[in-house]
Every structure is written in structure tokens, then in C-alpha cells.
N, C-alpha and C. Protein backbone atom coordinates (compact mmCIF):
# COMPACT_ATOMS: atom_id res chain seq x y z
N MET A 1 219.96 85.96 165.09
CA MET A 1 220.67 84.71 165.26
C MET A 1 221.85 84.66 164.29
N VAL A 2 222.89 83.99 164.74
CA VAL A 2 224.09 83.88 163.93
C VAL A 2 223.84 83.02 162.69
N GLU A 3 223.02 81.97 162.83
CA GLU A 3 222.76 81.09 161.70
C GLU A 3 222.06 81.84 160.57
N ASN A 4 221.05 82.66 160.93
CA ASN A 4 220.33 83.40 159.90
C ASN A 4 221.23 84.43 159.23
N PHE A 5 222.07 85.11 160.00
CA PHE A 5 222.98 86.10 159.41
C PHE A 5 223.97 85.42 158.47
N THR A 6 224.50 84.28 158.89
CA THR A 6 225.47 83.57 158.05
C THR A 6 224.82 83.07 156.76
N SER A 7 223.63 82.50 156.86
CA SER A 7 222.97 81.98 155.66
C SER A 7 222.57 83.12 154.72
N ARG A 8 222.17 84.25 155.28
CA ARG A 8 221.83 85.40 154.42
C ARG A 8 223.07 85.95 153.74
N PHE A 9 224.17 86.01 154.46
CA PHE A 9 225.42 86.50 153.86
C PHE A 9 225.86 85.58 152.73
N ILE A 10 225.79 84.27 152.94
CA ILE A 10 226.18 83.32 151.90
C ILE A 10 225.23 83.42 150.71
N ALA A 11 223.93 83.61 150.98
CA ALA A 11 222.97 83.73 149.89
C ALA A 11 223.23 84.96 149.04
N VAL A 12 223.50 86.09 149.69
CA VAL A 12 223.78 87.32 148.93
C VAL A 12 225.09 87.19 148.16
N LEU A 13 226.11 86.63 148.79
CA LEU A 13 227.39 86.44 148.12
C LEU A 13 227.24 85.49 146.93
N GLY A 14 226.49 84.41 147.12
CA GLY A 14 226.26 83.47 146.02
C GLY A 14 225.49 84.10 144.88
N ALA A 15 224.51 84.94 145.20
CA ALA A 15 223.75 85.62 144.14
C ALA A 15 224.64 86.56 143.34
N VAL A 16 225.51 87.30 144.02
CA VAL A 16 226.42 88.22 143.32
C VAL A 16 227.37 87.44 142.42
N ILE A 17 227.94 86.35 142.93
CA ILE A 17 228.87 85.56 142.12
C ILE A 17 228.15 84.93 140.92
N ALA A 18 226.92 84.43 141.15
CA ALA A 18 226.16 83.83 140.05
C ALA A 18 225.85 84.85 138.97
N ILE A 19 225.50 86.08 139.37
CA ILE A 19 225.21 87.13 138.39
C ILE A 19 226.47 87.48 137.60
N ILE A 20 227.61 87.54 138.28
CA ILE A 20 228.86 87.84 137.58
C ILE A 20 229.19 86.74 136.57
N PHE A 21 229.07 85.47 136.99
CA PHE A 21 229.33 84.36 136.07
C PHE A 21 228.38 84.40 134.88
N LEU A 22 227.09 84.65 135.15
CA LEU A 22 226.11 84.67 134.08
C LEU A 22 226.37 85.82 133.11
N THR A 23 226.76 86.97 133.63
CA THR A 23 227.06 88.11 132.77
C THR A 23 228.25 87.83 131.86
N VAL A 24 229.29 87.24 132.42
CA VAL A 24 230.47 86.91 131.61
C VAL A 24 230.11 85.90 130.53
N GLY A 25 229.29 84.91 130.88
CA GLY A 25 228.92 83.90 129.91
C GLY A 25 228.04 84.43 128.80
N ILE A 26 227.09 85.30 129.14
CA ILE A 26 226.18 85.83 128.13
C ILE A 26 226.89 86.78 127.18
N THR A 27 227.81 87.56 127.70
CA THR A 27 228.48 88.55 126.85
C THR A 27 229.60 87.95 126.01
N SER A 28 229.91 86.69 126.18
CA SER A 28 230.96 86.09 125.36
C SER A 28 230.38 85.71 124.01
N ASP A 29 230.96 86.23 122.96
CA ASP A 29 230.45 86.01 121.60
C ASP A 29 230.97 84.68 121.06
N VAL A 30 230.06 83.77 120.81
CA VAL A 30 230.43 82.47 120.28
C VAL A 30 229.70 82.21 118.96
N TRP A 31 228.47 82.70 118.85
CA TRP A 31 227.69 82.45 117.66
C TRP A 31 227.82 83.62 116.70
N ALA A 32 227.71 83.35 115.41
CA ALA A 32 227.73 84.41 114.40
C ALA A 32 226.62 84.17 113.40
N LYS A 33 225.93 85.22 113.05
CA LYS A 33 224.87 85.13 112.05
C LYS A 33 225.45 85.58 110.71
N ARG A 34 225.32 84.71 109.71
CA ARG A 34 225.88 85.02 108.40
C ARG A 34 224.80 84.88 107.33
N SER A 35 224.98 85.61 106.26
CA SER A 35 224.04 85.50 105.15
C SER A 35 224.42 84.30 104.28
N THR A 36 223.65 84.08 103.22
CA THR A 36 223.93 82.95 102.33
C THR A 36 225.24 83.14 101.57
N LYS A 37 225.68 84.39 101.40
CA LYS A 37 226.93 84.66 100.71
C LYS A 37 228.10 84.75 101.69
N ASP A 38 227.90 84.24 102.88
CA ASP A 38 228.93 84.21 103.91
C ASP A 38 229.39 85.62 104.30
N VAL A 39 228.44 86.54 104.32
CA VAL A 39 228.72 87.90 104.77
C VAL A 39 228.36 87.99 106.25
N PHE A 40 229.28 88.49 107.04
CA PHE A 40 229.07 88.56 108.47
C PHE A 40 227.99 89.59 108.78
N LEU A 41 226.97 89.17 109.52
CA LEU A 41 225.89 90.08 109.89
C LEU A 41 226.02 90.57 111.32
N GLU A 42 226.00 89.66 112.26
CA GLU A 42 226.13 90.05 113.65
C GLU A 42 226.50 88.83 114.48
N SER A 43 227.07 89.08 115.64
CA SER A 43 227.38 87.99 116.57
C SER A 43 226.40 88.04 117.72
N GLU A 44 226.14 86.88 118.30
CA GLU A 44 225.18 86.79 119.38
C GLU A 44 225.80 86.10 120.57
N GLY A 45 225.18 86.30 121.71
CA GLY A 45 225.66 85.68 122.93
C GLY A 45 225.42 84.18 122.94
N LEU A 46 225.96 83.53 123.93
CA LEU A 46 225.92 82.07 123.97
C LEU A 46 224.52 81.54 124.20
N PHE A 47 223.68 82.27 124.94
CA PHE A 47 222.35 81.76 125.27
C PHE A 47 221.32 82.00 124.17
N ARG A 48 221.60 82.92 123.26
CA ARG A 48 220.61 83.26 122.25
C ARG A 48 220.63 82.25 121.11
N ARG A 49 219.47 82.04 120.52
CA ARG A 49 219.37 81.09 119.42
C ARG A 49 219.24 81.85 118.10
N CYS A 50 219.81 81.27 117.07
CA CYS A 50 219.71 81.88 115.74
C CYS A 50 218.40 81.46 115.10
N ALA A 51 217.72 82.42 114.46
CA ALA A 51 216.45 82.10 113.81
C ALA A 51 216.69 81.37 112.49
N SER A 52 217.60 81.88 111.68
CA SER A 52 217.92 81.24 110.40
C SER A 52 219.28 81.73 109.94
N GLU A 53 219.87 80.97 109.02
CA GLU A 53 221.16 81.34 108.43
C GLU A 53 222.24 81.54 109.48
N CYS A 54 222.35 80.61 110.40
CA CYS A 54 223.38 80.73 111.43
C CYS A 54 224.40 79.62 111.26
N SER A 55 225.63 79.94 111.50
CA SER A 55 226.68 78.93 111.45
C SER A 55 227.40 78.92 112.79
N TYR A 56 227.88 77.75 113.12
CA TYR A 56 228.59 77.58 114.38
C TYR A 56 230.03 78.04 114.19
N VAL A 57 230.44 79.04 114.94
CA VAL A 57 231.75 79.64 114.70
C VAL A 57 232.85 78.82 115.35
N GLN A 58 232.72 78.53 116.61
CA GLN A 58 233.77 77.80 117.31
C GLN A 58 233.16 77.07 118.50
N GLN A 59 233.87 76.08 118.95
CA GLN A 59 233.46 75.37 120.15
C GLN A 59 233.75 76.24 121.36
N PRO A 60 232.78 76.43 122.26
CA PRO A 60 233.06 77.25 123.45
C PRO A 60 234.21 76.65 124.25
N SER A 61 235.04 77.51 124.77
CA SER A 61 236.18 77.03 125.53
C SER A 61 235.72 76.45 126.86
N ASP A 62 236.61 75.72 127.51
CA ASP A 62 236.26 75.04 128.75
C ASP A 62 235.88 76.01 129.84
N TRP A 63 236.51 77.19 129.88
CA TRP A 63 236.19 78.11 130.96
C TRP A 63 234.79 78.68 130.81
N ARG A 64 234.31 78.82 129.56
CA ARG A 64 232.93 79.30 129.38
C ARG A 64 231.94 78.24 129.84
N GLN A 65 232.20 76.99 129.50
CA GLN A 65 231.30 75.93 129.95
C GLN A 65 231.36 75.80 131.47
N SER A 66 232.53 76.02 132.05
CA SER A 66 232.64 75.98 133.50
C SER A 66 231.84 77.09 134.15
N ILE A 67 231.81 78.26 133.50
CA ILE A 67 231.03 79.38 134.04
C ILE A 67 229.55 79.02 134.09
N PHE A 68 229.04 78.41 133.04
CA PHE A 68 227.63 78.05 133.04
C PHE A 68 227.35 76.95 134.06
N TYR A 69 228.25 75.99 134.21
CA TYR A 69 228.04 74.96 135.22
C TYR A 69 228.07 75.57 136.62
N LEU A 70 228.99 76.51 136.84
CA LEU A 70 229.03 77.18 138.14
C LEU A 70 227.77 78.00 138.38
N THR A 71 227.20 78.56 137.32
CA THR A 71 225.94 79.28 137.48
C THR A 71 224.83 78.35 137.93
N TYR A 72 224.76 77.15 137.33
CA TYR A 72 223.77 76.16 137.77
C TYR A 72 224.02 75.78 139.23
N THR A 73 225.28 75.58 139.57
CA THR A 73 225.62 75.19 140.94
C THR A 73 225.25 76.28 141.93
N MET A 74 225.57 77.53 141.59
CA MET A 74 225.21 78.65 142.47
C MET A 74 223.70 78.74 142.63
N SER A 75 222.96 78.53 141.56
CA SER A 75 221.50 78.57 141.65
C SER A 75 220.98 77.51 142.61
N ALA A 76 221.55 76.31 142.53
CA ALA A 76 221.13 75.24 143.43
C ALA A 76 221.48 75.57 144.87
N ILE A 77 222.65 76.15 145.10
CA ILE A 77 223.03 76.53 146.46
C ILE A 77 222.09 77.59 147.01
N LEU A 78 221.72 78.55 146.17
CA LEU A 78 220.78 79.59 146.61
C LEU A 78 219.42 78.99 146.96
N VAL A 79 218.96 78.02 146.17
CA VAL A 79 217.70 77.35 146.48
C VAL A 79 217.79 76.67 147.84
N VAL A 80 218.91 76.01 148.10
CA VAL A 80 219.10 75.34 149.39
C VAL A 80 219.04 76.36 150.53
N LEU A 81 219.73 77.48 150.37
CA LEU A 81 219.76 78.47 151.44
C LEU A 81 218.40 79.10 151.68
N TYR A 82 217.68 79.41 150.61
CA TYR A 82 216.37 80.03 150.79
C TYR A 82 215.36 79.07 151.38
N VAL A 83 215.41 77.81 150.98
CA VAL A 83 214.53 76.81 151.59
C VAL A 83 214.85 76.67 153.07
N GLY A 84 216.14 76.66 153.40
CA GLY A 84 216.53 76.59 154.81
C GLY A 84 216.06 77.79 155.60
N GLN A 85 216.12 78.98 155.01
CA GLN A 85 215.65 80.17 155.72
C GLN A 85 214.15 80.16 155.91
N ILE A 86 213.41 79.71 154.91
CA ILE A 86 211.96 79.65 155.05
C ILE A 86 211.57 78.64 156.12
N LEU A 87 212.22 77.49 156.11
CA LEU A 87 211.93 76.50 157.15
C LEU A 87 212.34 76.99 158.53
N SER A 88 213.42 77.76 158.60
CA SER A 88 213.87 78.22 159.91
C SER A 88 212.89 79.22 160.52
N ILE A 89 212.17 79.96 159.69
CA ILE A 89 211.16 80.88 160.23
C ILE A 89 210.09 80.11 160.98
N PHE A 90 209.59 79.03 160.38
CA PHE A 90 208.56 78.23 161.04
C PHE A 90 209.12 77.50 162.26
N ILE A 91 210.34 77.03 162.16
CA ILE A 91 210.94 76.30 163.27
C ILE A 91 211.14 77.22 164.47
N ILE A 92 211.61 78.44 164.21
CA ILE A 92 211.81 79.38 165.31
C ILE A 92 210.46 79.82 165.88
N TYR A 93 209.46 80.00 165.03
CA TYR A 93 208.15 80.43 165.50
C TYR A 93 207.52 79.37 166.40
N PHE A 94 207.61 78.11 165.99
CA PHE A 94 207.01 77.03 166.79
C PHE A 94 207.97 76.49 167.84
N ARG A 95 209.16 77.06 167.93
CA ARG A 95 210.17 76.70 168.94
C ARG A 95 210.52 75.21 168.89
N TRP A 96 210.96 74.81 167.70
CA TRP A 96 211.46 73.45 167.50
C TRP A 96 212.92 73.53 167.08
N PRO A 97 213.82 73.91 167.95
CA PRO A 97 215.22 74.11 167.54
C PRO A 97 215.92 72.84 167.08
N THR A 98 215.42 71.68 167.52
CA THR A 98 216.09 70.44 167.10
C THR A 98 215.86 70.15 165.61
N LEU A 99 214.79 70.71 165.04
CA LEU A 99 214.52 70.49 163.63
C LEU A 99 215.27 71.46 162.73
N TYR A 100 215.98 72.42 163.33
CA TYR A 100 216.68 73.43 162.54
C TYR A 100 217.76 72.80 161.67
N SER A 101 218.59 71.97 162.29
CA SER A 101 219.65 71.32 161.52
C SER A 101 219.07 70.29 160.55
N PHE A 102 217.97 69.65 160.93
CA PHE A 102 217.35 68.68 160.04
C PHE A 102 216.82 69.36 158.78
N SER A 103 216.27 70.58 158.93
CA SER A 103 215.75 71.30 157.76
C SER A 103 216.88 71.64 156.80
N TYR A 104 218.03 72.02 157.33
CA TYR A 104 219.17 72.32 156.46
C TYR A 104 219.70 71.05 155.80
N PHE A 105 219.61 69.93 156.50
CA PHE A 105 220.02 68.66 155.90
C PHE A 105 219.11 68.31 154.72
N VAL A 106 217.81 68.48 154.89
CA VAL A 106 216.87 68.20 153.80
C VAL A 106 217.10 69.15 152.64
N ALA A 107 217.29 70.44 152.94
CA ALA A 107 217.53 71.42 151.87
C ALA A 107 218.85 71.12 151.15
N ALA A 108 219.87 70.74 151.91
CA ALA A 108 221.16 70.41 151.30
C ALA A 108 221.05 69.17 150.41
N THR A 109 220.27 68.19 150.84
CA THR A 109 220.07 67.00 150.03
C THR A 109 219.37 67.35 148.71
N LEU A 110 218.32 68.18 148.80
CA LEU A 110 217.63 68.61 147.58
C LEU A 110 218.57 69.39 146.67
N GLY A 111 219.36 70.28 147.25
CA GLY A 111 220.32 71.05 146.45
C GLY A 111 221.37 70.18 145.80
N PHE A 112 221.83 69.16 146.53
CA PHE A 112 222.82 68.24 145.98
C PHE A 112 222.24 67.48 144.79
N LEU A 113 220.98 67.06 144.91
CA LEU A 113 220.34 66.37 143.79
C LEU A 113 220.16 67.30 142.59
N ILE A 114 219.83 68.59 142.87
CA ILE A 114 219.69 69.55 141.78
C ILE A 114 221.03 69.74 141.07
N ILE A 115 222.11 69.84 141.86
CA ILE A 115 223.43 70.05 141.27
C ILE A 115 223.82 68.88 140.37
N ILE A 116 223.46 67.66 140.77
CA ILE A 116 223.83 66.48 139.98
C ILE A 116 222.90 66.30 138.78
N ILE A 117 221.59 66.42 138.99
CA ILE A 117 220.63 66.06 137.95
C ILE A 117 220.45 67.18 136.93
N TYR A 118 220.36 68.43 137.37
CA TYR A 118 220.01 69.52 136.46
C TYR A 118 221.00 69.72 135.32
N PRO A 119 222.31 69.79 135.57
CA PRO A 119 223.23 69.96 134.43
C PRO A 119 223.24 68.79 133.46
N SER A 120 222.92 67.58 133.94
CA SER A 120 222.90 66.45 133.02
C SER A 120 221.66 66.48 132.12
N LYS A 121 220.59 67.14 132.57
CA LYS A 121 219.38 67.25 131.76
C LYS A 121 219.43 68.47 130.85
N VAL A 122 219.93 69.59 131.36
CA VAL A 122 219.99 70.83 130.60
C VAL A 122 221.45 71.19 130.41
N LYS A 123 221.97 70.92 129.23
CA LYS A 123 223.39 71.18 128.98
C LYS A 123 223.56 72.60 128.47
N PRO A 124 224.68 73.22 128.77
CA PRO A 124 224.94 74.54 128.19
C PRO A 124 225.01 74.48 126.68
N THR A 125 224.65 75.56 126.03
CA THR A 125 224.62 75.62 124.57
C THR A 125 226.01 75.39 124.01
N GLY A 126 226.10 74.54 123.01
CA GLY A 126 227.36 74.34 122.32
C GLY A 126 228.17 73.15 122.80
N THR A 127 227.65 72.35 123.72
CA THR A 127 228.43 71.22 124.22
C THR A 127 228.33 70.00 123.31
N GLU A 128 227.46 70.06 122.32
CA GLU A 128 227.28 68.90 121.47
C GLU A 128 228.21 68.90 120.26
N GLY A 129 229.11 69.84 120.19
CA GLY A 129 230.06 69.86 119.09
C GLY A 129 229.62 70.76 117.96
N PRO A 130 230.51 71.01 117.03
CA PRO A 130 230.19 71.93 115.93
C PRO A 130 229.18 71.35 114.96
N HIS A 131 228.30 72.21 114.48
CA HIS A 131 227.33 71.84 113.46
C HIS A 131 227.42 72.85 112.33
N ASP A 132 227.01 72.43 111.15
CA ASP A 132 227.13 73.34 110.00
C ASP A 132 226.12 74.47 110.07
N VAL A 133 224.84 74.12 110.16
CA VAL A 133 223.79 75.14 110.17
C VAL A 133 222.84 74.85 111.31
N TRP A 134 222.41 75.89 112.00
CA TRP A 134 221.45 75.73 113.10
C TRP A 134 220.14 76.34 112.67
């Protein structure tokens, strides 16, 4: 079916884009681990947390925060597509084609709620401003 091929293509494309965004965000060095004498030890990615003796180097730029928000959005879109595909298997098996579009509407509604609610609950690291010691 054309619908299944299209949704699978969008799901694969979304997964590839989300992985690219996530890779760029993780490999961007924002945090630095320093000793008590302010000697540079090592830098860490944005998602990693410092155990001790960490200082906030700089505020992440807007494009880095946008990458993480787009990663959340892509994840929500993938959830919508996979839920739609799972529902479509049962709908096609039981031959209820009228419920096909309704299942995508329900999945899209859930995905829309995830896109709105999830980033407001789980913020990307570093959005709360600079701090002296973490």
C-alpha cells in the first residue's frame, strides 16, 4: 500500500535526521572539567554531567538548543508514525479501512501533545543560565 510505504519512508528519514541532530548536539563541547587550581582537565559533551569540580564554560548557542528541540520533535513524530503503522496492521487485518485515517488522527494528536508537553518538562542542559559550580 502507498500509505504504508510513505509512512515507512518518513519514519526512516526522520530517524536519520534525528540521529544526525543528536550526534551534532552530543559532540559539541560546552562543559569543561577543571581542577581547584583552574587547570583544564577535559571537556565533555552537552548531555554528560560533571561529577565534581565542574564549571560552566559558556551558554549553549541557540542553534545547539534548537538541535535538541528538533531531536525531541523528531522523536515525537517517529512515535506517531510507528503507532499509526501498528494500528494500520490491525485495521488492514480486520478490514476496517474507515478507521485507518482515524488511527492516524489519534496518533497525530498524541504526537502533538508530546511535542508541546515534553520539551516544557525536560529542558535541554544549559538552558537555565550560567552557574558557578555544578
